[in-house]
């Protein structure tokens, strides 16, 4: 591959990177924030399900052994981590809106 064709490919590739970088950053932030929210909600939901199952076992069966309930992490920890996830999602949405507004500004307007 010659130097001229290599430079041409580099220039074309860099143009695509600049075109889609904002959208990729926004999508990554939104994905990361939702993943963090769902990951932190996993433990409270599971302990809630175990609590419901144990209450059914205690009411329906007299001599049955309930499932072990572990004292989970305090709810304040879950709220803080989920709040950070919500902030990351909001930043991703703002970046996406900014990229969308920038793209609409750069496109020529289509007359009616």
N, C-alpha and C. Protein backbone atom coordinates (compact mmCIF):
# COMPACT_ATOMS: atom_id res chain seq x y z
N UNK A 1 0.85 -1.16 0.00
CA UNK A 1 0.00 0.00 0.00
C UNK A 1 0.90 1.23 0.00
N UNK A 2 0.61 2.13 -0.88
CA UNK A 2 1.45 3.32 -0.99
C UNK A 2 1.09 4.33 0.08
N UNK A 3 1.95 5.29 0.23
CA UNK A 3 1.77 6.33 1.24
C UNK A 3 0.53 7.17 0.94
N UNK A 4 0.27 7.45 -0.34
CA UNK A 4 -0.88 8.28 -0.72
C UNK A 4 -2.20 7.57 -0.39
N UNK A 5 -2.28 6.28 -0.71
CA UNK A 5 -3.52 5.56 -0.42
C UNK A 5 -3.70 5.37 1.08
N UNK A 6 -2.60 5.20 1.81
CA UNK A 6 -2.68 5.08 3.25
C UNK A 6 -3.20 6.38 3.87
N UNK A 7 -2.70 7.51 3.37
CA UNK A 7 -3.16 8.81 3.87
C UNK A 7 -4.63 9.04 3.53
N UNK A 8 -5.05 8.59 2.36
CA UNK A 8 -6.44 8.75 1.95
C UNK A 8 -7.36 7.92 2.84
N UNK A 9 -6.96 6.67 3.13
CA UNK A 9 -7.76 5.84 4.02
C UNK A 9 -7.81 6.43 5.43
N UNK A 10 -6.66 6.94 5.90
CA UNK A 10 -6.63 7.53 7.23
C UNK A 10 -7.55 8.75 7.29
N UNK A 11 -7.53 9.58 6.26
CA UNK A 11 -8.37 10.77 6.24
C UNK A 11 -9.86 10.39 6.20
N UNK A 12 -10.22 9.40 5.38
CA UNK A 12 -11.61 8.95 5.31
C UNK A 12 -12.06 8.33 6.63
N UNK A 13 -11.20 7.52 7.22
CA UNK A 13 -11.54 6.90 8.50
C UNK A 13 -11.70 7.92 9.61
N UNK A 14 -10.80 8.91 9.64
CA UNK A 14 -10.88 9.93 10.68
C UNK A 14 -12.15 10.77 10.52
N UNK A 15 -12.59 10.96 9.29
CA UNK A 15 -13.84 11.69 9.06
C UNK A 15 -15.02 10.95 9.65
N UNK A 16 -15.04 9.63 9.53
CA UNK A 16 -16.12 8.83 10.12
C UNK A 16 -16.04 8.83 11.64
N UNK A 17 -14.82 8.79 12.16
CA UNK A 17 -14.67 8.84 13.62
C UNK A 17 -15.21 10.15 14.16
N UNK A 18 -14.87 11.26 13.53
CA UNK A 18 -15.36 12.56 13.98
C UNK A 18 -16.87 12.66 13.82
N UNK A 19 -17.41 12.03 12.80
CA UNK A 19 -18.85 12.10 12.54
C UNK A 19 -19.65 11.35 13.60
N UNK A 20 -19.18 10.18 14.04
CA UNK A 20 -19.96 9.33 14.93
C UNK A 20 -19.43 9.27 16.36
N UNK A 21 -18.39 10.02 16.70
CA UNK A 21 -17.80 9.94 18.04
C UNK A 21 -18.80 10.38 19.11
N UNK A 22 -19.50 11.47 18.88
CA UNK A 22 -20.46 11.95 19.88
C UNK A 22 -21.57 10.97 20.12
N UNK A 23 -22.08 10.38 19.05
CA UNK A 23 -23.15 9.40 19.20
C UNK A 23 -22.67 8.15 19.93
N UNK A 24 -21.45 7.72 19.65
CA UNK A 24 -20.90 6.56 20.35
C UNK A 24 -20.68 6.85 21.83
N UNK A 25 -20.21 8.04 22.14
CA UNK A 25 -20.02 8.41 23.54
C UNK A 25 -21.36 8.46 24.26
N UNK A 26 -22.38 9.05 23.62
CA UNK A 26 -23.71 9.12 24.23
C UNK A 26 -24.28 7.73 24.46
N UNK A 27 -24.16 6.85 23.46
CA UNK A 27 -24.68 5.49 23.60
C UNK A 27 -23.94 4.74 24.70
N UNK A 28 -22.63 4.92 24.79
CA UNK A 28 -21.85 4.26 25.83
C UNK A 28 -22.23 4.73 27.22
N UNK A 29 -22.46 6.04 27.37
CA UNK A 29 -22.87 6.57 28.68
C UNK A 29 -24.25 6.05 29.08
N UNK A 30 -25.17 6.02 28.14
CA UNK A 30 -26.52 5.54 28.44
C UNK A 30 -26.48 4.06 28.81
N UNK A 31 -25.72 3.28 28.04
CA UNK A 31 -25.59 1.85 28.34
C UNK A 31 -24.94 1.63 29.70
N UNK A 32 -23.86 2.35 29.97
CA UNK A 32 -23.17 2.18 31.25
C UNK A 32 -24.04 2.56 32.43
N UNK A 33 -24.81 3.64 32.29
CA UNK A 33 -25.68 4.06 33.39
C UNK A 33 -26.80 3.07 33.65
N UNK A 34 -27.43 2.57 32.58
CA UNK A 34 -28.51 1.59 32.78
C UNK A 34 -27.95 0.28 33.34
N UNK A 35 -26.76 -0.10 32.90
CA UNK A 35 -26.14 -1.32 33.45
C UNK A 35 -25.87 -1.14 34.93
N UNK A 36 -25.40 0.02 35.33
CA UNK A 36 -25.13 0.27 36.75
C UNK A 36 -26.41 0.26 37.57
N UNK A 37 -27.49 0.82 37.04
CA UNK A 37 -28.76 0.83 37.75
C UNK A 37 -29.29 -0.60 37.92
N UNK A 38 -29.28 -1.37 36.84
CA UNK A 38 -29.79 -2.74 36.93
C UNK A 38 -28.90 -3.62 37.81
N UNK A 39 -27.59 -3.39 37.78
CA UNK A 39 -26.69 -4.19 38.61
C UNK A 39 -26.91 -3.92 40.09
N UNK A 40 -27.20 -2.68 40.44
CA UNK A 40 -27.41 -2.37 41.85
C UNK A 40 -28.79 -2.81 42.32
N UNK A 41 -29.76 -2.89 41.42
CA UNK A 41 -31.10 -3.31 41.81
C UNK A 41 -31.24 -4.83 41.91
N UNK A 42 -30.25 -5.54 41.43
CA UNK A 42 -30.32 -7.00 41.42
C UNK A 42 -30.43 -7.58 42.84
N UNK A 43 -29.62 -7.09 43.77
CA UNK A 43 -29.62 -7.65 45.13
C UNK A 43 -30.89 -7.31 45.91
N UNK A 44 -31.38 -6.07 45.91
CA UNK A 44 -32.63 -5.81 46.65
C UNK A 44 -33.83 -6.56 46.09
N UNK A 45 -33.89 -6.74 44.79
CA UNK A 45 -35.00 -7.49 44.20
C UNK A 45 -34.93 -8.95 44.62
N UNK A 46 -33.73 -9.53 44.59
CA UNK A 46 -33.57 -10.93 44.99
C UNK A 46 -33.90 -11.12 46.47
N UNK A 47 -33.47 -10.21 47.33
CA UNK A 47 -33.79 -10.36 48.75
C UNK A 47 -35.28 -10.14 49.00
N UNK A 48 -35.93 -9.30 48.22
CA UNK A 48 -37.38 -9.11 48.34
C UNK A 48 -38.14 -10.36 47.94
N UNK A 49 -37.68 -11.02 46.88
CA UNK A 49 -38.32 -12.27 46.44
C UNK A 49 -38.15 -13.35 47.51
N UNK A 50 -36.96 -13.44 48.10
CA UNK A 50 -36.74 -14.43 49.17
C UNK A 50 -37.62 -14.12 50.37
N UNK A 51 -37.79 -12.85 50.69
CA UNK A 51 -38.65 -12.47 51.82
C UNK A 51 -40.09 -12.88 51.56
N UNK A 52 -40.60 -12.68 50.35
CA UNK A 52 -41.97 -13.07 50.01
C UNK A 52 -42.12 -14.59 50.08
N UNK A 53 -41.15 -15.33 49.54
CA UNK A 53 -41.21 -16.79 49.59
C UNK A 53 -41.20 -17.29 51.03
N UNK A 54 -40.35 -16.69 51.86
CA UNK A 54 -40.30 -17.10 53.27
C UNK A 54 -41.61 -16.79 54.00
N UNK A 55 -42.22 -15.68 53.69
CA UNK A 55 -43.50 -15.38 54.35
C UNK A 55 -44.58 -16.37 53.92
N UNK A 56 -44.55 -16.80 52.67
CA UNK A 56 -45.51 -17.83 52.21
C UNK A 56 -45.22 -19.14 52.92
N UNK A 57 -43.95 -19.51 53.04
CA UNK A 57 -43.59 -20.76 53.72
C UNK A 57 -44.02 -20.72 55.18
N UNK A 58 -43.81 -19.62 55.86
CA UNK A 58 -44.17 -19.51 57.28
C UNK A 58 -45.67 -19.59 57.49
N UNK A 59 -46.46 -19.03 56.57
CA UNK A 59 -47.92 -19.05 56.73
C UNK A 59 -48.54 -20.37 56.29
N UNK A 60 -48.01 -20.99 55.25
CA UNK A 60 -48.63 -22.18 54.69
C UNK A 60 -48.15 -23.47 55.35
N UNK A 61 -46.90 -23.54 55.72
CA UNK A 61 -46.34 -24.77 56.26
C UNK A 61 -45.79 -24.51 57.66
N UNK A 62 -46.18 -25.34 58.61
CA UNK A 62 -45.78 -25.09 60.00
C UNK A 62 -44.35 -25.51 60.29
N UNK A 63 -43.95 -26.65 59.83
CA UNK A 63 -42.63 -27.18 60.20
C UNK A 63 -41.59 -27.04 59.09
N UNK A 64 -41.89 -26.28 58.10
CA UNK A 64 -40.95 -26.13 56.98
C UNK A 64 -39.84 -25.15 57.35
N UNK A 65 -38.68 -25.40 56.80
CA UNK A 65 -37.52 -24.54 57.06
C UNK A 65 -37.51 -23.43 56.01
N UNK A 66 -37.52 -22.16 56.40
CA UNK A 66 -37.50 -21.08 55.42
C UNK A 66 -36.12 -20.95 54.76
N UNK A 67 -36.09 -20.25 53.65
CA UNK A 67 -34.83 -19.98 52.96
C UNK A 67 -33.98 -19.04 53.81
N UNK A 68 -32.67 -19.17 53.72
CA UNK A 68 -31.82 -18.28 54.53
C UNK A 68 -31.89 -16.84 54.02
N UNK A 69 -32.12 -15.92 54.95
CA UNK A 69 -32.16 -14.50 54.62
C UNK A 69 -30.86 -13.87 55.12
N UNK A 70 -30.15 -13.28 54.22
CA UNK A 70 -28.89 -12.64 54.57
C UNK A 70 -29.15 -11.15 54.73
N UNK A 71 -28.53 -10.58 55.70
CA UNK A 71 -28.62 -9.14 55.85
C UNK A 71 -27.84 -8.48 54.73
N UNK A 72 -28.53 -7.80 53.89
CA UNK A 72 -27.89 -7.20 52.73
C UNK A 72 -27.18 -5.90 53.08
N UNK A 73 -26.63 -5.31 52.08
CA UNK A 73 -25.98 -4.01 52.22
C UNK A 73 -27.07 -2.99 52.53
N UNK A 74 -26.80 -2.00 53.35
CA UNK A 74 -27.82 -1.00 53.67
C UNK A 74 -28.36 -0.32 52.40
N UNK A 75 -29.63 0.02 52.44
CA UNK A 75 -30.29 0.55 51.25
C UNK A 75 -29.68 1.87 50.80
N UNK A 76 -29.06 2.61 51.71
CA UNK A 76 -28.46 3.89 51.34
C UNK A 76 -27.33 3.70 50.34
N UNK A 77 -26.59 2.60 50.46
CA UNK A 77 -25.53 2.30 49.49
C UNK A 77 -26.14 2.08 48.10
N UNK A 78 -27.22 1.31 48.04
CA UNK A 78 -27.87 1.05 46.75
C UNK A 78 -28.38 2.33 46.11
N UNK A 79 -28.94 3.20 46.94
CA UNK A 79 -29.48 4.46 46.41
C UNK A 79 -28.37 5.33 45.84
N UNK A 80 -27.23 5.39 46.53
CA UNK A 80 -26.13 6.22 46.04
C UNK A 80 -25.59 5.70 44.71
N UNK A 81 -25.41 4.39 44.61
CA UNK A 81 -24.88 3.82 43.37
C UNK A 81 -25.89 3.97 42.23
N UNK A 82 -27.18 3.77 42.51
CA UNK A 82 -28.20 3.95 41.48
C UNK A 82 -28.29 5.41 41.06
N UNK A 83 -28.11 6.33 42.01
CA UNK A 83 -28.14 7.75 41.65
C UNK A 83 -26.99 8.12 40.73
N UNK A 84 -25.83 7.53 40.94
CA UNK A 84 -24.72 7.77 40.03
C UNK A 84 -25.06 7.22 38.64
N UNK A 85 -25.71 6.06 38.59
CA UNK A 85 -26.14 5.51 37.30
C UNK A 85 -27.13 6.42 36.60
N UNK A 86 -28.06 7.01 37.36
CA UNK A 86 -29.03 7.93 36.76
C UNK A 86 -28.32 9.18 36.23
N UNK A 87 -27.32 9.66 36.97
CA UNK A 87 -26.56 10.83 36.50
C UNK A 87 -25.82 10.51 35.21
N UNK A 88 -25.24 9.32 35.12
CA UNK A 88 -24.53 8.92 33.90
C UNK A 88 -25.49 8.83 32.73
N UNK A 89 -26.69 8.28 32.95
CA UNK A 89 -27.70 8.21 31.88
C UNK A 89 -28.09 9.62 31.44
N UNK A 90 -28.29 10.52 32.39
CA UNK A 90 -28.69 11.88 32.04
C UNK A 90 -27.59 12.60 31.25
N UNK A 91 -26.34 12.40 31.63
CA UNK A 91 -25.24 12.98 30.86
C UNK A 91 -25.22 12.40 29.45
N UNK A 92 -25.45 11.10 29.33
CA UNK A 92 -25.51 10.48 28.01
C UNK A 92 -26.65 11.04 27.17
N UNK A 93 -27.81 11.27 27.79
CA UNK A 93 -28.93 11.87 27.05
C UNK A 93 -28.60 13.30 26.61
N UNK A 94 -27.96 14.07 27.49
CA UNK A 94 -27.59 15.43 27.12
C UNK A 94 -26.56 15.45 25.99
N UNK A 95 -25.59 14.54 26.04
CA UNK A 95 -24.61 14.46 24.95
C UNK A 95 -25.32 14.06 23.65
N UNK A 96 -26.25 13.11 23.74
CA UNK A 96 -27.00 12.71 22.54
C UNK A 96 -27.83 13.84 21.97
N UNK A 97 -28.48 14.61 22.84
CA UNK A 97 -29.26 15.75 22.37
C UNK A 97 -28.36 16.81 21.75
N UNK A 98 -27.19 17.02 22.34
CA UNK A 98 -26.25 17.99 21.78
C UNK A 98 -25.76 17.55 20.39
N UNK A 99 -25.44 16.26 20.26
CA UNK A 99 -24.99 15.74 18.97
C UNK A 99 -26.11 15.84 17.94
N UNK A 100 -27.35 15.56 18.34
CA UNK A 100 -28.47 15.65 17.43
C UNK A 100 -28.70 17.10 16.99
N UNK A 101 -28.63 18.03 17.92
CA UNK A 101 -28.81 19.45 17.57
C UNK A 101 -27.68 19.93 16.66
N UNK A 102 -26.48 19.49 16.93
CA UNK A 102 -25.34 19.86 16.09
C UNK A 102 -25.50 19.30 14.68
N UNK A 103 -25.99 18.06 14.59
CA UNK A 103 -26.21 17.45 13.27
C UNK A 103 -27.32 18.14 12.50
N UNK A 104 -28.37 18.55 13.19
CA UNK A 104 -29.46 19.26 12.49
C UNK A 104 -29.02 20.64 12.05
N UNK A 105 -28.14 21.28 12.81
CA UNK A 105 -27.64 22.59 12.44
C UNK A 105 -26.74 22.53 11.21
N UNK A 106 -25.96 21.44 11.09
CA UNK A 106 -25.04 21.30 9.98
C UNK A 106 -25.72 20.87 8.69
N UNK A 107 -26.87 20.19 8.79
CA UNK A 107 -27.59 19.80 7.59
C UNK A 107 -28.29 21.00 6.97
N UNK A 108 -28.32 21.07 5.65
CA UNK A 108 -29.08 22.17 5.05
C UNK A 108 -30.57 21.99 5.27
N UNK A 109 -31.27 23.07 5.51
CA UNK A 109 -32.71 22.96 5.74
C UNK A 109 -33.42 22.64 4.44
N UNK A 110 -34.44 21.82 4.55
CA UNK A 110 -35.20 21.43 3.36
C UNK A 110 -36.45 22.29 3.31
N UNK A 111 -36.59 23.05 2.25
CA UNK A 111 -37.73 23.96 2.12
C UNK A 111 -39.00 23.21 1.81
N UNK A 112 -40.13 23.77 2.24
CA UNK A 112 -41.44 23.15 1.98
C UNK A 112 -42.02 23.62 0.71
